[in-house]
């Protein structure tokens, strides 16, 4: 399917559903702004029809993660694939 580790591949689907590439896949993504990393080695995927929640206190990187996903920021390291 891809060169992403199994931890960011879509999981098993209920019977009758096709296995599809992830809608979004982050693989070892890191980014820093003049200091310690905001995100370090973040890996996850979101399969079609799946919902994920970003939850955490202020300043932990939730908005940075979304800006990386929509292309407003580029990661210092790692890969981000959207829609295959």
PDB file of N, CA and C in Angstrom:
ATOM      1  N   UNK A   1       0.812  -1.178   0.000  1.00  0.00           N
ATOM      2  CA  UNK A   1       0.000   0.000   0.000  1.00  0.00           C
ATOM      3  C   UNK A   1       0.867   1.257   0.000  1.00  0.00           C
ATOM      4  N   UNK A   2       1.769   1.405   0.999  1.00  0.00           N
ATOM      5  CA  UNK A   2       2.680   2.544   1.026  1.00  0.00           C
ATOM      6  C   UNK A   2       3.875   2.180   1.885  1.00  0.00           C
ATOM      7  N   UNK A   3       4.811   3.118   2.007  1.00  0.00           N
ATOM      8  CA  UNK A   3       5.988   2.854   2.823  1.00  0.00           C
ATOM      9  C   UNK A   3       5.810   3.341   4.258  1.00  0.00           C
ATOM     10  N   UNK A   4       4.575   3.649   4.658  1.00  0.00           N
ATOM     11  CA  UNK A   4       4.310   4.044   6.030  1.00  0.00           C
ATOM     12  C   UNK A   4       4.307   2.816   6.921  1.00  0.00           C
ATOM     13  N   UNK A   5       4.749   2.974   8.181  1.00  0.00           N
ATOM     14  CA  UNK A   5       4.732   1.838   9.093  1.00  0.00           C
ATOM     15  C   UNK A   5       3.299   1.374   9.367  1.00  0.00           C
ATOM     16  N   UNK A   6       3.154   0.152   9.847  1.00  0.00           N
ATOM     17  CA  UNK A   6       1.837  -0.423  10.102  1.00  0.00           C
ATOM     18  C   UNK A   6       1.026   0.434  11.065  1.00  0.00           C
ATOM     19  N   UNK A   7       1.673   1.185  11.949  1.00  0.00           N
ATOM     20  CA  UNK A   7       0.957   1.995  12.931  1.00  0.00           C
ATOM     21  C   UNK A   7       0.161   3.129  12.304  1.00  0.00           C
ATOM     22  N   UNK A   8       0.472   3.516  11.062  1.00  0.00           N
ATOM     23  CA  UNK A   8      -0.288   4.576  10.416  1.00  0.00           C
ATOM     24  C   UNK A   8      -1.067   4.069   9.204  1.00  0.00           C
ATOM     25  N   UNK A   9      -1.196   2.766   9.079  1.00  0.00           N
ATOM     26  CA  UNK A   9      -2.009   2.180   8.025  1.00  0.00           C
ATOM     27  C   UNK A   9      -3.436   2.044   8.545  1.00  0.00           C
ATOM     28  N   UNK A  10      -4.434   2.099   7.656  1.00  0.00           N
ATOM     29  CA  UNK A  10      -5.800   1.920   8.129  1.00  0.00           C
ATOM     30  C   UNK A  10      -5.988   0.545   8.747  1.00  0.00           C
ATOM     31  N   UNK A  11      -6.810   0.489   9.761  1.00  0.00           N
ATOM     32  CA  UNK A  11      -7.073  -0.768  10.443  1.00  0.00           C
ATOM     33  C   UNK A  11      -8.063  -1.630   9.673  1.00  0.00           C
ATOM     34  N   UNK A  12      -8.398  -2.784  10.239  1.00  0.00           N
ATOM     35  CA  UNK A  12      -9.345  -3.671   9.570  1.00  0.00           C
ATOM     36  C   UNK A  12     -10.714  -3.016   9.448  1.00  0.00           C
ATOM     37  N   UNK A  13     -11.403  -3.298   8.369  1.00  0.00           N
ATOM     38  CA  UNK A  13     -12.729  -2.747   8.107  1.00  0.00           C
ATOM     39  C   UNK A  13     -13.789  -3.800   8.426  1.00  0.00           C
ATOM     40  N   UNK A  14     -14.958  -3.334   8.854  1.00  0.00           N
ATOM     41  CA  UNK A  14     -16.054  -4.290   9.030  1.00  0.00           C
ATOM     42  C   UNK A  14     -16.354  -4.998   7.714  1.00  0.00           C
ATOM     43  N   UNK A  15     -16.900  -6.186   7.802  1.00  0.00           N
ATOM     44  CA  UNK A  15     -17.213  -6.976   6.618  1.00  0.00           C
ATOM     45  C   UNK A  15     -18.067  -6.181   5.648  1.00  0.00           C
ATOM     46  N   UNK A  16     -17.692  -6.236   4.364  1.00  0.00           N
ATOM     47  CA  UNK A  16     -18.450  -5.554   3.332  1.00  0.00           C
ATOM     48  C   UNK A  16     -17.905  -4.195   2.951  1.00  0.00           C
ATOM     49  N   UNK A  17     -16.969  -3.653   3.712  1.00  0.00           N
ATOM     50  CA  UNK A  17     -16.386  -2.364   3.369  1.00  0.00           C
ATOM     51  C   UNK A  17     -15.041  -2.573   2.710  1.00  0.00           C
ATOM     52  N   UNK A  18     -14.763  -1.780   1.675  1.00  0.00           N
ATOM     53  CA  UNK A  18     -13.480  -1.864   0.994  1.00  0.00           C
ATOM     54  C   UNK A  18     -12.391  -1.230   1.845  1.00  0.00           C
ATOM     55  N   UNK A  19     -11.177  -1.741   1.712  1.00  0.00           N
ATOM     56  CA  UNK A  19     -10.038  -1.117   2.344  1.00  0.00           C
ATOM     57  C   UNK A  19      -9.541  -0.018   1.408  1.00  0.00           C
ATOM     58  N   UNK A  20      -9.407   1.183   1.951  1.00  0.00           N
ATOM     59  CA  UNK A  20      -8.984   2.326   1.144  1.00  0.00           C
ATOM     60  C   UNK A  20      -7.757   2.959   1.776  1.00  0.00           C
ATOM     61  N   UNK A  21      -7.011   3.698   0.957  1.00  0.00           N
ATOM     62  CA  UNK A  21      -5.880   4.440   1.490  1.00  0.00           C
ATOM     63  C   UNK A  21      -6.379   5.468   2.495  1.00  0.00           C
ATOM     64  N   UNK A  22      -5.545   5.837   3.460  1.00  0.00           N
ATOM     65  CA  UNK A  22      -5.952   6.858   4.425  1.00  0.00           C
ATOM     66  C   UNK A  22      -6.258   8.193   3.730  1.00  0.00           C
ATOM     67  N   UNK A  23      -7.187   8.935   4.297  1.00  0.00           N
ATOM     68  CA  UNK A  23      -7.480  10.281   3.816  1.00  0.00           C
ATOM     69  C   UNK A  23      -6.324  11.198   4.201  1.00  0.00           C
ATOM     70  N   UNK A  24      -5.777  10.990   5.387  1.00  0.00           N
ATOM     71  CA  UNK A  24      -4.617  11.747   5.859  1.00  0.00           C
ATOM     72  C   UNK A  24      -3.678  10.788   6.579  1.00  0.00           C
ATOM     73  N   UNK A  25      -2.381  10.932   6.324  1.00  0.00           N
ATOM     74  CA  UNK A  25      -1.385  10.098   6.995  1.00  0.00           C
ATOM     75  C   UNK A  25      -0.176  10.959   7.341  1.00  0.00           C
ATOM     76  N   UNK A  26       0.162  11.004   8.605  1.00  0.00           N
ATOM     77  CA  UNK A  26       1.352  11.696   9.103  1.00  0.00           C
ATOM     78  C   UNK A  26       2.345  10.621   9.507  1.00  0.00           C
ATOM     79  N   UNK A  27       3.573  10.724   9.057  1.00  0.00           N
ATOM     80  CA  UNK A  27       4.596   9.733   9.380  1.00  0.00           C
ATOM     81  C   UNK A  27       5.846  10.437   9.912  1.00  0.00           C
ATOM     82  N   UNK A  28       6.087  10.300  11.200  1.00  0.00           N
ATOM     83  CA  UNK A  28       7.260  10.869  11.874  1.00  0.00           C
ATOM     84  C   UNK A  28       7.420  12.368  11.601  1.00  0.00           C
ATOM     85  N   UNK A  29       6.335  13.117  11.729  1.00  0.00           N
ATOM     86  CA  UNK A  29       6.340  14.554  11.460  1.00  0.00           C
ATOM     87  C   UNK A  29       6.861  15.308  12.675  1.00  0.00           C
ATOM     88  N   UNK A  30       7.811  16.213  12.430  1.00  0.00           N
ATOM     89  CA  UNK A  30       8.364  17.082  13.471  1.00  0.00           C
ATOM     90  C   UNK A  30       8.429  18.504  12.939  1.00  0.00           C
ATOM     91  N   UNK A  31       8.218  19.475  13.845  1.00  0.00           N
ATOM     92  CA  UNK A  31       8.350  20.883  13.493  1.00  0.00           C
ATOM     93  C   UNK A  31       8.690  21.667  14.761  1.00  0.00           C
ATOM     94  N   UNK A  32       9.555  22.654  14.597  1.00  0.00           N
ATOM     95  CA  UNK A  32       9.958  23.514  15.710  1.00  0.00           C
ATOM     96  C   UNK A  32       9.988  24.961  15.227  1.00  0.00           C
ATOM     97  N   UNK A  33       9.807  25.892  16.149  1.00  0.00           N
ATOM     98  CA  UNK A  33       9.875  27.321  15.855  1.00  0.00           C
ATOM     99  C   UNK A  33      10.833  27.961  16.862  1.00  0.00           C
ATOM    100  N   UNK A  34      12.066  28.203  16.470  1.00  0.00           N
ATOM    101  CA  UNK A  34      13.050  28.875  17.331  1.00  0.00           C
ATOM    102  C   UNK A  34      13.060  28.350  18.771  1.00  0.00           C
ATOM    103  N   UNK A  35      13.150  27.062  18.928  1.00  0.00           N
ATOM    104  CA  UNK A  35      13.199  26.491  20.267  1.00  0.00           C
ATOM    105  C   UNK A  35      12.941  25.001  20.216  1.00  0.00           C
ATOM    106  N   UNK A  36      12.413  24.466  21.306  1.00  0.00           N
ATOM    107  CA  UNK A  36      12.143  23.029  21.339  1.00  0.00           C
ATOM    108  C   UNK A  36      11.039  22.669  20.340  1.00  0.00           C
ATOM    109  N   UNK A  37      10.993  21.413  19.915  1.00  0.00           N
ATOM    110  CA  UNK A  37       9.979  20.997  18.944  1.00  0.00           C
ATOM    111  C   UNK A  37       8.556  21.214  19.466  1.00  0.00           C
ATOM    112  N   UNK A  38       7.695  21.674  18.572  1.00  0.00           N
ATOM    113  CA  UNK A  38       6.272  21.780  18.891  1.00  0.00           C
ATOM    114  C   UNK A  38       5.643  20.401  18.716  1.00  0.00           C
ATOM    115  N   UNK A  39       5.990  19.728  17.627  1.00  0.00           N
ATOM    116  CA  UNK A  39       5.583  18.348  17.379  1.00  0.00           C
ATOM    117  C   UNK A  39       6.838  17.542  17.079  1.00  0.00           C
ATOM    118  N   UNK A  40       6.923  16.347  17.638  1.00  0.00           N
ATOM    119  CA  UNK A  40       8.112  15.526  17.432  1.00  0.00           C
ATOM    120  C   UNK A  40       7.709  14.085  17.140  1.00  0.00           C
ATOM    121  N   UNK A  41       8.063  13.616  15.930  1.00  0.00           N
ATOM    122  CA  UNK A  41       7.802  12.232  15.495  1.00  0.00           C
ATOM    123  C   UNK A  41       6.336  11.815  15.647  1.00  0.00           C
ATOM    124  N   UNK A  42       5.437  12.658  15.158  1.00  0.00           N
ATOM    125  CA  UNK A  42       4.005  12.375  15.225  1.00  0.00           C
ATOM    126  C   UNK A  42       3.616  11.491  14.041  1.00  0.00           C
ATOM    127  N   UNK A  43       2.971  10.370  14.325  1.00  0.00           N
ATOM    128  CA  UNK A  43       2.509   9.447  13.285  1.00  0.00           C
ATOM    129  C   UNK A  43       1.087   9.013  13.590  1.00  0.00           C
ATOM    130  N   UNK A  44       0.211   9.141  12.596  1.00  0.00           N
ATOM    131  CA  UNK A  44      -1.153   8.654  12.704  1.00  0.00           C
ATOM    132  C   UNK A  44      -1.785   8.690  11.315  1.00  0.00           C
ATOM    133  N   UNK A  45      -2.919   8.046  11.169  1.00  0.00           N
ATOM    134  CA  UNK A  45      -3.661   8.124   9.912  1.00  0.00           C
ATOM    135  C   UNK A  45      -5.139   8.249  10.213  1.00  0.00           C
ATOM    136  N   UNK A  46      -5.866   8.774   9.227  1.00  0.00           N
ATOM    137  CA  UNK A  46      -7.311   8.897   9.315  1.00  0.00           C
ATOM    138  C   UNK A  46      -7.888   8.221   8.074  1.00  0.00           C
ATOM    139  N   UNK A  47      -8.649   7.174   8.287  1.00  0.00           N
ATOM    140  CA  UNK A  47      -9.246   6.418   7.187  1.00  0.00           C
ATOM    141  C   UNK A  47     -10.535   7.091   6.721  1.00  0.00           C
ATOM    142  N   UNK A  48     -10.961   6.804   5.498  1.00  0.00           N
ATOM    143  CA  UNK A  48     -12.230   7.354   5.022  1.00  0.00           C
ATOM    144  C   UNK A  48     -13.373   7.007   5.981  1.00  0.00           C
ATOM    145  N   UNK A  49     -14.184   8.005   6.305  1.00  0.00           N
ATOM    146  CA  UNK A  49     -15.311   7.796   7.201  1.00  0.00           C
ATOM    147  C   UNK A  49     -14.954   7.812   8.675  1.00  0.00           C
ATOM    148  N   UNK A  50     -13.677   7.936   8.992  1.00  0.00           N
ATOM    149  CA  UNK A  50     -13.221   7.916  10.375  1.00  0.00           C
ATOM    150  C   UNK A  50     -13.161   9.345  10.917  1.00  0.00           C
ATOM    151  N   UNK A  51     -13.389   9.504  12.206  1.00  0.00           N
ATOM    152  CA  UNK A  51     -13.322  10.806  12.858  1.00  0.00           C
ATOM    153  C   UNK A  51     -12.230  10.767  13.919  1.00  0.00           C
ATOM    154  N   UNK A  52     -11.439  11.818  13.984  1.00  0.00           N
ATOM    155  CA  UNK A  52     -10.415  11.958  15.030  1.00  0.00           C
ATOM    156  C   UNK A  52     -10.649  13.266  15.764  1.00  0.00           C
ATOM    157  N   UNK A  53     -10.290  13.319  17.024  1.00  0.00           N
ATOM    158  CA  UNK A  53     -10.451  14.516  17.846  1.00  0.00           C
ATOM    159  C   UNK A  53      -9.074  14.973  18.299  1.00  0.00           C
ATOM    160  N   UNK A  54      -8.806  16.279  18.166  1.00  0.00           N
ATOM    161  CA  UNK A  54      -7.581  16.874  18.702  1.00  0.00           C
ATOM    162  C   UNK A  54      -7.944  17.533  20.020  1.00  0.00           C
ATOM    163  N   UNK A  55      -7.395  17.023  21.098  1.00  0.00           N
ATOM    164  CA  UNK A  55      -7.753  17.491  22.422  1.00  0.00           C
ATOM    165  C   UNK A  55      -6.492  17.711  23.234  1.00  0.00           C
ATOM    166  N   UNK A  56      -6.384  18.854  23.879  1.00  0.00           N
ATOM    167  CA  UNK A  56      -5.231  19.116  24.713  1.00  0.00           C
ATOM    168  C   UNK A  56      -5.211  20.559  25.157  1.00  0.00           C
ATOM    169  N   UNK A  57      -4.351  20.872  26.106  1.00  0.00           N
ATOM    170  CA  UNK A  57      -4.270  22.247  26.605  1.00  0.00           C
ATOM    171  C   UNK A  57      -3.642  23.182  25.572  1.00  0.00           C
ATOM    172  N   UNK A  58      -3.722  24.471  25.850  1.00  0.00           N
ATOM    173  CA  UNK A  58      -3.152  25.481  24.959  1.00  0.00           C
ATOM    174  C   UNK A  58      -1.653  25.260  24.791  1.00  0.00           C
ATOM    175  N   UNK A  59      -1.190  25.435  23.554  1.00  0.00           N
ATOM    176  CA  UNK A  59       0.242  25.407  23.291  1.00  0.00           C
ATOM    177  C   UNK A  59       0.864  24.046  23.048  1.00  0.00           C
ATOM    178  N   UNK A  60       0.048  23.008  22.831  1.00  0.00           N
ATOM    179  CA  UNK A  60       0.625  21.675  22.622  1.00  0.00           C
ATOM    180  C   UNK A  60       0.713  21.273  21.157  1.00  0.00           C
ATOM    181  N   UNK A  61       0.224  22.122  20.224  1.00  0.00           N
ATOM    182  CA  UNK A  61       0.412  21.846  18.808  1.00  0.00           C
ATOM    183  C   UNK A  61      -0.824  21.476  18.016  1.00  0.00           C
ATOM    184  N   UNK A  62      -2.018  21.637  18.584  1.00  0.00           N
ATOM    185  CA  UNK A  62      -3.241  21.278  17.857  1.00  0.00           C
ATOM    186  C   UNK A  62      -3.393  22.100  16.578  1.00  0.00           C
ATOM    187  N   UNK A  63      -3.257  23.405  16.678  1.00  0.00           N
ATOM    188  CA  UNK A  63      -3.393  24.279  15.504  1.00  0.00           C
ATOM    189  C   UNK A  63      -2.250  24.058  14.522  1.00  0.00           C
ATOM    190  N   UNK A  64      -1.056  23.810  15.021  1.00  0.00           N
ATOM    191  CA  UNK A  64       0.091  23.541  14.149  1.00  0.00           C
ATOM    192  C   UNK A  64      -0.169  22.272  13.341  1.00  0.00           C
ATOM    193  N   UNK A  65      -0.729  21.259  13.974  1.00  0.00           N
ATOM    194  CA  UNK A  65      -1.051  20.013  13.276  1.00  0.00           C
ATOM    195  C   UNK A  65      -2.033  20.272  12.134  1.00  0.00           C
ATOM    196  N   UNK A  66      -3.048  21.072  12.375  1.00  0.00           N
ATOM    197  CA  UNK A  66      -4.019  21.386  11.319  1.00  0.00           C
ATOM    198  C   UNK A  66      -3.400  22.251  10.223  1.00  0.00           C
ATOM    199  N   UNK A  67      -2.523  23.176  10.588  1.00  0.00           N
ATOM    200  CA  UNK A  67      -1.849  24.005   9.576  1.00  0.00           C
ATOM    201  C   UNK A  67      -0.913  23.158   8.713  1.00  0.00           C
ATOM    202  N   UNK A  68      -0.308  22.140   9.292  1.00  0.00           N
ATOM    203  CA  UNK A  68       0.504  21.215   8.506  1.00  0.00           C
ATOM    204  C   UNK A  68      -0.382  20.428   7.541  1.00  0.00           C
ATOM    205  N   UNK A  69      -1.531  19.991   8.021  1.00  0.00           N
ATOM    206  CA  UNK A  69      -2.426  19.185   7.192  1.00  0.00           C
ATOM    207  C   UNK A  69      -2.960  19.974   6.003  1.00  0.00           C
ATOM    208  N   UNK A  70      -3.231  21.273   6.185  1.00  0.00           N
ATOM    209  CA  UNK A  70      -3.782  22.030   5.054  1.00  0.00           C
ATOM    210  C   UNK A  70      -2.722  22.781   4.259  1.00  0.00           C
ATOM    211  N   UNK A  71      -1.445  22.546   4.568  1.00  0.00           N
ATOM    212  CA  UNK A  71      -0.361  23.088   3.750  1.00  0.00           C
ATOM    213  C   UNK A  71       0.093  24.493   4.089  1.00  0.00           C
ATOM    214  N   UNK A  72      -0.415  25.077   5.167  1.00  0.00           N
ATOM    215  CA  UNK A  72       0.034  26.413   5.564  1.00  0.00           C
ATOM    216  C   UNK A  72       1.433  26.380   6.166  1.00  0.00           C
ATOM    217  N   UNK A  73       1.816  25.236   6.717  1.00  0.00           N
ATOM    218  CA  UNK A  73       3.171  25.025   7.243  1.00  0.00           C
ATOM    219  C   UNK A  73       3.742  23.766   6.609  1.00  0.00           C
ATOM    220  N   UNK A  74       5.070  23.702   6.552  1.00  0.00           N
ATOM    221  CA  UNK A  74       5.765  22.502   6.071  1.00  0.00           C
ATOM    222  C   UNK A  74       6.536  21.906   7.243  1.00  0.00           C
ATOM    223  N   UNK A  75       6.530  20.586   7.360  1.00  0.00           N
ATOM    224  CA  UNK A  75       7.255  19.968   8.476  1.00  0.00           C
ATOM    225  C   UNK A  75       8.764  20.078   8.294  1.00  0.00           C
ATOM    226  N   UNK A  76       9.475  20.130   9.416  1.00  0.00           N
ATOM    227  CA  UNK A  76      10.938  20.090   9.373  1.00  0.00           C
ATOM    228  C   UNK A  76      11.413  18.690   9.002  1.00  0.00           C
ATOM    229  N   UNK A  77      10.682  17.684   9.456  1.00  0.00           N
ATOM    230  CA  UNK A  77      11.004  16.279   9.161  1.00  0.00           C
ATOM    231  C   UNK A  77       9.709  15.508   8.990  1.00  0.00           C
ATOM    232  N   UNK A  78       9.783  14.388   8.320  1.00  0.00           N
ATOM    233  CA  UNK A  78       8.633  13.500   8.154  1.00  0.00           C
ATOM    234  C   UNK A  78       7.870  13.765   6.877  1.00  0.00           C
ATOM    235  N   UNK A  79       6.784  12.998   6.722  1.00  0.00           N
ATOM    236  CA  UNK A  79       5.950  13.085   5.513  1.00  0.00           C
ATOM    237  C   UNK A  79       4.492  13.187   5.890  1.00  0.00           C
ATOM    238  N   UNK A  80       3.751  13.933   5.073  1.00  0.00           N
ATOM    239  CA  UNK A  80       2.303  14.048   5.230  1.00  0.00           C
ATOM    240  C   UNK A  80       1.682  13.742   3.877  1.00  0.00           C
ATOM    241  N   UNK A  81       0.792  12.776   3.845  1.00  0.00           N
ATOM    242  CA  UNK A  81       0.062  12.445   2.629  1.00  0.00           C
ATOM    243  C   UNK A  81      -1.417  12.697   2.862  1.00  0.00           C
ATOM    244  N   UNK A  82      -2.038  13.391   1.913  1.00  0.00           N
ATOM    245  CA  UNK A  82      -3.478  13.640   1.965  1.00  0.00           C
ATOM    246  C   UNK A  82      -4.128  13.047   0.737  1.00  0.00           C
ATOM    247  N   UNK A  83      -5.186  12.300   0.925  1.00  0.00           N
ATOM    248  CA  UNK A  83      -5.932  11.682  -0.166  1.00  0.00           C
ATOM    249  C   UNK A  83      -5.044  10.827  -1.052  1.00  0.00           C
ATOM    250  N   UNK A  84      -4.141  10.084  -0.418  1.00  0.00           N
ATOM    251  CA  UNK A  84      -3.273   9.156  -1.141  1.00  0.00           C
ATOM    252  C   UNK A  84      -2.120   9.852  -1.777  1.00  0.00           C
TER     253      UNK A  84
END
